Every structure is written in C-alpha cells, then in structure tokens.
C-alpha cells in the first residue's frame, strides 16, 4: 500500500532531518520509501536555478508528477521540499490518493540561526532575492494532516507522531 508524506516548512525547519529519520523508521518495518529531496532534484531539473515563480511552478509540477509516478508503482514517497506555495503541495495531493501533508513549523529566527545552506545569509547580503520567509512568501498549510514543531521536538519524537498518523490511516502496520 503506497502513500506520500510531504514535509513542508521553511529552509532550516528540520525537514531533511525528519525525512531521513522517517525513511529509517519505515525501513526498520520493511518499507522502502523514496525520499525526494528538492535540493538534490533541483540541481538535475534546473541546473542553473533562478528560483523565480515560473521556474518554481515548473519544478514543483515535475516533483509532484515524479512522486505520483513512484507511488503508482507501489513505493511510498517522502517529499522533502519547502514548496512555499500551497498550490505546489496541492498538486501532490491531487495526484496521490494516500497523501499526508506534514507542516514542520519552525520560527523564522530559529531557521535563520540554523541557516544550514547559507540561504538566509545570502538574502541578508542581497545575493539571494527570493528566499521563502524573507523576500518570497511562505504559505503555511491551512489544513495539514499533522503539524510538527521543528524547534521543540527531536526528529525521533516528530517521526513517532508521523508514524502514528500513518498507522491510524492504515498505511503502515503497527
């Protein structure tokens, strides 16, 4: 039984740590999920990324289609992607029947302090002009299946909540 979990939140919110932990927990139960990391896939789809709206529209459409294709073939998918507009995540929801949106809610100041990719520094220095949460809007989910605190929960605690959601829905056995 395949499904998709879309981890969304600002850069530095903890999505990648959760994706890795969730994939590990699923693996421990014999479930091999595909992790679609937007940072990695973007280098292949748009090697000279501009991060403008048209490019983001195209990229997230490709990402949603790729995830849907993998789920259709029987493999669960974990999306590790900011997807700053709700419409991007809705593309995934509209294409995948068993879909759960997990909002990794982390205050901007915590994300800026983490700044694992240097995006916020680049925004501050004027080298990046479309960083979600700074110059570009981040549209938080209106009705996510789950909200995780990226600043108060450990990855293990957060993934326990995600696994409980998957179990309640019958997508993963206890």
C-alpha atoms as a PDB file:
ATOM      1  CA  UNK A   1       0.000   0.000   0.000  1.00  0.00           C
ATOM      2  CA  UNK A   2       1.741   3.157  -1.178  1.00  0.00           C
ATOM      3  CA  UNK A   3       1.369   6.658   0.126  1.00  0.00           C
ATOM      4  CA  UNK A   4       3.143  10.001   0.182  1.00  0.00           C
ATOM      5  CA  UNK A   5       4.195  12.260   3.033  1.00  0.00           C
ATOM      6  CA  UNK A   6       5.050  15.847   2.066  1.00  0.00           C
ATOM      7  CA  UNK A   7       7.262  17.527   4.664  1.00  0.00           C
ATOM      8  CA  UNK A   8       6.921  21.277   4.194  1.00  0.00           C
ATOM      9  CA  UNK A   9       8.342  24.236   6.075  1.00  0.00           C
ATOM     10  CA  UNK A  10      10.942  26.957   5.768  1.00  0.00           C
ATOM     11  CA  UNK A  11      14.546  26.224   4.883  1.00  0.00           C
ATOM     12  CA  UNK A  12      16.239  25.142   8.106  1.00  0.00           C
ATOM     13  CA  UNK A  13      12.987  23.982   9.714  1.00  0.00           C
ATOM     14  CA  UNK A  14      14.187  20.382  10.031  1.00  0.00           C
ATOM     15  CA  UNK A  15      12.522  18.756   7.006  1.00  0.00           C
ATOM     16  CA  UNK A  16      15.628  16.909   5.831  1.00  0.00           C
ATOM     17  CA  UNK A  17      16.379  15.511   9.292  1.00  0.00           C
ATOM     18  CA  UNK A  18      12.785  14.300   9.554  1.00  0.00           C
ATOM     19  CA  UNK A  19      12.842  12.806   6.049  1.00  0.00           C
ATOM     20  CA  UNK A  20      15.974  10.830   6.888  1.00  0.00           C
ATOM     21  CA  UNK A  21      14.564   9.653  10.228  1.00  0.00           C
ATOM     22  CA  UNK A  22      11.186   8.756   8.694  1.00  0.00           C
ATOM     23  CA  UNK A  23      12.854   6.767   5.907  1.00  0.00           C
ATOM     24  CA  UNK A  24      14.878   4.927   8.555  1.00  0.00           C
ATOM     25  CA  UNK A  25      11.804   4.119  10.650  1.00  0.00           C
ATOM     26  CA  UNK A  26       9.942   2.845   7.597  1.00  0.00           C
ATOM     27  CA  UNK A  27      12.990   0.786   6.547  1.00  0.00           C
ATOM     28  CA  UNK A  28      13.032  -0.814  10.011  1.00  0.00           C
ATOM     29  CA  UNK A  29       9.496  -2.043   9.239  1.00  0.00           C
ATOM     30  CA  UNK A  30      10.489  -3.376   5.833  1.00  0.00           C
ATOM     31  CA  UNK A  31       9.132  -0.409   3.876  1.00  0.00           C
ATOM     32  CA  UNK A  32      11.497   1.191   1.364  1.00  0.00           C
ATOM     33  CA  UNK A  33      10.352   4.753   0.761  1.00  0.00           C
ATOM     34  CA  UNK A  34      11.766   7.010  -1.926  1.00  0.00           C
ATOM     35  CA  UNK A  35      12.931  10.332  -0.483  1.00  0.00           C
ATOM     36  CA  UNK A  36      12.514  13.158  -2.990  1.00  0.00           C
ATOM     37  CA  UNK A  37      14.818  15.936  -1.802  1.00  0.00           C
ATOM     38  CA  UNK A  38      14.049  19.168  -3.623  1.00  0.00           C
ATOM     39  CA  UNK A  39      17.607  20.455  -3.120  1.00  0.00           C
ATOM     40  CA  UNK A  40      19.070  17.429  -4.906  1.00  0.00           C
ATOM     41  CA  UNK A  41      16.422  17.151  -7.626  1.00  0.00           C
ATOM     42  CA  UNK A  42      16.536  20.875  -8.401  1.00  0.00           C
ATOM     43  CA  UNK A  43      20.199  20.563  -9.462  1.00  0.00           C
ATOM     44  CA  UNK A  44      19.119  17.965 -12.022  1.00  0.00           C
ATOM     45  CA  UNK A  45      15.901  19.598 -13.242  1.00  0.00           C
ATOM     46  CA  UNK A  46      17.128  23.210 -13.189  1.00  0.00           C
ATOM     47  CA  UNK A  47      20.953  23.115 -13.027  1.00  0.00           C
ATOM     48  CA  UNK A  48      21.167  26.914 -13.316  1.00  0.00           C
ATOM     49  CA  UNK A  49      18.331  27.682 -10.926  1.00  0.00           C
ATOM     50  CA  UNK A  50      16.848  31.179 -10.955  1.00  0.00           C
ATOM     51  CA  UNK A  51      14.271  30.472  -8.228  1.00  0.00           C
ATOM     52  CA  UNK A  52      11.712  32.692  -9.953  1.00  0.00           C
ATOM     53  CA  UNK A  53       7.993  31.929  -9.911  1.00  0.00           C
ATOM     54  CA  UNK A  54       7.859  30.351 -13.376  1.00  0.00           C
ATOM     55  CA  UNK A  55      10.754  28.043 -12.589  1.00  0.00           C
ATOM     56  CA  UNK A  56       9.276  27.073  -9.216  1.00  0.00           C
ATOM     57  CA  UNK A  57       5.913  26.341 -10.878  1.00  0.00           C
ATOM     58  CA  UNK A  58       7.628  24.009 -13.349  1.00  0.00           C
ATOM     59  CA  UNK A  59       9.869  22.371 -10.749  1.00  0.00           C
ATOM     60  CA  UNK A  60       7.101  21.566  -8.278  1.00  0.00           C
ATOM     61  CA  UNK A  61       4.872  20.228 -11.040  1.00  0.00           C
ATOM     62  CA  UNK A  62       7.687  17.862 -12.063  1.00  0.00           C
ATOM     63  CA  UNK A  63       8.273  16.925  -8.414  1.00  0.00           C
ATOM     64  CA  UNK A  64       4.580  16.151  -7.801  1.00  0.00           C
ATOM     65  CA  UNK A  65       4.381  14.113 -11.019  1.00  0.00           C
ATOM     66  CA  UNK A  66       7.531  12.175 -10.129  1.00  0.00           C
ATOM     67  CA  UNK A  67       6.182  11.392  -6.662  1.00  0.00           C
ATOM     68  CA  UNK A  68       2.822  10.301  -8.069  1.00  0.00           C
ATOM     69  CA  UNK A  69       4.560   8.044 -10.579  1.00  0.00           C
ATOM     70  CA  UNK A  70       6.608   6.369  -7.839  1.00  0.00           C
ATOM     71  CA  UNK A  71       3.530   5.876  -5.620  1.00  0.00           C
ATOM     72  CA  UNK A  72       1.595   4.408  -8.578  1.00  0.00           C
ATOM     73  CA  UNK A  73       4.365   1.827  -8.926  1.00  0.00           C
ATOM     74  CA  UNK A  74       3.870   0.725  -5.317  1.00  0.00           C
ATOM     75  CA  UNK A  75       6.594   2.595  -3.459  1.00  0.00           C
ATOM     76  CA  UNK A  76       5.916   5.164  -0.725  1.00  0.00           C
ATOM     77  CA  UNK A  77       7.346   8.655  -1.192  1.00  0.00           C
ATOM     78  CA  UNK A  78       8.652  11.206   1.276  1.00  0.00           C
ATOM     79  CA  UNK A  79       8.783  14.710  -0.192  1.00  0.00           C
ATOM     80  CA  UNK A  80      11.476  16.841   1.471  1.00  0.00           C
ATOM     81  CA  UNK A  81      10.543  20.163  -0.098  1.00  0.00           C
ATOM     82  CA  UNK A  82       9.718  23.670   1.112  1.00  0.00           C
ATOM     83  CA  UNK A  83       7.153  24.166  -1.677  1.00  0.00           C
ATOM     84  CA  UNK A  84       6.453  27.700  -0.484  1.00  0.00           C
ATOM     85  CA  UNK A  85       3.079  27.990  -2.227  1.00  0.00           C
ATOM     86  CA  UNK A  86       0.087  25.885  -1.181  1.00  0.00           C
ATOM     87  CA  UNK A  87      -0.668  25.221  -4.850  1.00  0.00           C
ATOM     88  CA  UNK A  88       2.615  23.314  -5.196  1.00  0.00           C
ATOM     89  CA  UNK A  89       1.677  20.920  -2.401  1.00  0.00           C
ATOM     90  CA  UNK A  90      -1.901  20.651  -3.650  1.00  0.00           C
ATOM     91  CA  UNK A  91      -0.511  19.306  -6.931  1.00  0.00           C
ATOM     92  CA  UNK A  92       0.840  16.365  -4.981  1.00  0.00           C
ATOM     93  CA  UNK A  93      -2.395  15.934  -3.052  1.00  0.00           C
ATOM     94  CA  UNK A  94      -4.476  15.979  -6.248  1.00  0.00           C
ATOM     95  CA  UNK A  95      -2.295  13.311  -7.893  1.00  0.00           C
ATOM     96  CA  UNK A  96      -1.819  10.943  -4.935  1.00  0.00           C
ATOM     97  CA  UNK A  97      -4.790   9.318  -3.169  1.00  0.00           C
ATOM     98  CA  UNK A  98      -2.953   8.472   0.060  1.00  0.00           C
ATOM     99  CA  UNK A  99      -1.317  11.826   0.777  1.00  0.00           C
ATOM    100  CA  UNK A 100      -0.363  13.436   4.079  1.00  0.00           C
ATOM    101  CA  UNK A 101       0.961  16.964   4.382  1.00  0.00           C
ATOM    102  CA  UNK A 102       3.173  17.470   7.433  1.00  0.00           C
ATOM    103  CA  UNK A 103       3.964  21.067   8.312  1.00  0.00           C
ATOM    104  CA  UNK A 104       7.309  21.433  10.074  1.00  0.00           C
ATOM    105  CA  UNK A 105       6.511  24.655  11.901  1.00  0.00           C
ATOM    106  CA  UNK A 106       9.712  26.365  12.987  1.00  0.00           C
ATOM    107  CA  UNK A 107      10.049  30.068  13.798  1.00  0.00           C
ATOM    108  CA  UNK A 108      11.955  32.038  11.161  1.00  0.00           C
ATOM    109  CA  UNK A 109      14.529  33.154  13.745  1.00  0.00           C
ATOM    110  CA  UNK A 110      15.357  29.501  14.523  1.00  0.00           C
ATOM    111  CA  UNK A 111      15.694  28.726  10.800  1.00  0.00           C
ATOM    112  CA  UNK A 112      17.946  31.782  10.340  1.00  0.00           C
ATOM    113  CA  UNK A 113      20.120  30.687  13.285  1.00  0.00           C
ATOM    114  CA  UNK A 114      20.483  27.210  11.760  1.00  0.00           C
ATOM    115  CA  UNK A 115      20.992  28.504   8.176  1.00  0.00           C
ATOM    116  CA  UNK A 116      22.413  25.148   7.085  1.00  0.00           C
ATOM    117  CA  UNK A 117      22.568  26.166   3.406  1.00  0.00           C
ATOM    118  CA  UNK A 118      23.573  29.803   3.825  1.00  0.00           C
ATOM    119  CA  UNK A 119      20.317  30.983   2.216  1.00  0.00           C
ATOM    120  CA  UNK A 120      19.448  33.486   4.910  1.00  0.00           C
ATOM    121  CA  UNK A 121      22.971  34.926   4.900  1.00  0.00           C
ATOM    122  CA  UNK A 122      22.758  35.255   1.107  1.00  0.00           C
ATOM    123  CA  UNK A 123      19.394  37.027   1.477  1.00  0.00           C
ATOM    124  CA  UNK A 124      20.833  39.389   4.085  1.00  0.00           C
ATOM    125  CA  UNK A 125      23.772  40.171   1.775  1.00  0.00           C
ATOM    126  CA  UNK A 126      21.481  40.744  -1.217  1.00  0.00           C
ATOM    127  CA  UNK A 127      22.856  37.715  -3.099  1.00  0.00           C
ATOM    128  CA  UNK A 128      19.520  35.858  -2.953  1.00  0.00           C
ATOM    129  CA  UNK A 129      16.277  37.699  -3.610  1.00  0.00           C
ATOM    130  CA  UNK A 130      13.559  35.033  -3.468  1.00  0.00           C
ATOM    131  CA  UNK A 131      14.127  33.176  -0.192  1.00  0.00           C
ATOM    132  CA  UNK A 132      10.801  31.892   1.220  1.00  0.00           C
ATOM    133  CA  UNK A 133      10.074  33.520   4.546  1.00  0.00           C
ATOM    134  CA  UNK A 134      12.274  36.519   3.714  1.00  0.00           C
ATOM    135  CA  UNK A 135      11.613  38.055   0.275  1.00  0.00           C
ATOM    136  CA  UNK A 136       9.205  35.389  -1.001  1.00  0.00           C
ATOM    137  CA  UNK A 137       6.052  34.398   0.839  1.00  0.00           C
ATOM    138  CA  UNK A 138       5.776  31.016   2.501  1.00  0.00           C
ATOM    139  CA  UNK A 139       2.135  29.929   2.524  1.00  0.00           C
ATOM    140  CA  UNK A 140       1.717  27.731   5.573  1.00  0.00           C
ATOM    141  CA  UNK A 141      -0.714  24.839   5.106  1.00  0.00           C
ATOM    142  CA  UNK A 142      -4.320  25.608   6.027  1.00  0.00           C
ATOM    143  CA  UNK A 143      -5.271  22.027   6.947  1.00  0.00           C
ATOM    144  CA  UNK A 144      -2.197  19.818   7.167  1.00  0.00           C
ATOM    145  CA  UNK A 145      -2.669  16.283   8.397  1.00  0.00           C
ATOM    146  CA  UNK A 146      -0.038  16.985  11.052  1.00  0.00           C
ATOM    147  CA  UNK A 147       1.881  19.962  12.458  1.00  0.00           C
ATOM    148  CA  UNK A 148       5.302  19.250  13.939  1.00  0.00           C
ATOM    149  CA  UNK A 149       7.305  21.740  15.986  1.00  0.00           C
ATOM    150  CA  UNK A 150      10.710  21.864  14.333  1.00  0.00           C
ATOM    151  CA  UNK A 151      12.181  23.711  17.293  1.00  0.00           C
ATOM    152  CA  UNK A 152      10.697  21.776  20.234  1.00  0.00           C
ATOM    153  CA  UNK A 153      10.568  18.176  19.015  1.00  0.00           C
ATOM    154  CA  UNK A 154      13.525  15.914  18.378  1.00  0.00           C
ATOM    155  CA  UNK A 155      13.499  14.175  14.986  1.00  0.00           C
ATOM    156  CA  UNK A 156      12.679  10.914  16.767  1.00  0.00           C
ATOM    157  CA  UNK A 157       9.699  12.448  18.615  1.00  0.00           C
ATOM    158  CA  UNK A 158       8.422  14.106  15.451  1.00  0.00           C
ATOM    159  CA  UNK A 159       8.724  10.930  13.395  1.00  0.00           C
ATOM    160  CA  UNK A 160       6.896   8.978  16.113  1.00  0.00           C
ATOM    161  CA  UNK A 161       3.969  11.374  15.511  1.00  0.00           C
ATOM    162  CA  UNK A 162       4.183  10.840  11.748  1.00  0.00           C
ATOM    163  CA  UNK A 163       4.332   7.062  12.152  1.00  0.00           C
ATOM    164  CA  UNK A 164       1.289   7.197  14.454  1.00  0.00           C
ATOM    165  CA  UNK A 165      -0.584   9.135  11.749  1.00  0.00           C
ATOM    166  CA  UNK A 166       0.378   6.549   9.116  1.00  0.00           C
ATOM    167  CA  UNK A 167      -0.741   3.736  11.441  1.00  0.00           C
ATOM    168  CA  UNK A 168      -4.100   5.413  12.201  1.00  0.00           C
ATOM    169  CA  UNK A 169      -4.750   5.711   8.489  1.00  0.00           C
ATOM    170  CA  UNK A 170      -3.879   2.067   7.937  1.00  0.00           C
ATOM    171  CA  UNK A 171      -0.996   2.902   5.600  1.00  0.00           C
ATOM    172  CA  UNK A 172       1.585   1.298   7.900  1.00  0.00           C
ATOM    173  CA  UNK A 173       1.068  -1.645  10.246  1.00  0.00           C
ATOM    174  CA  UNK A 174       1.747  -1.247  13.952  1.00  0.00           C
END
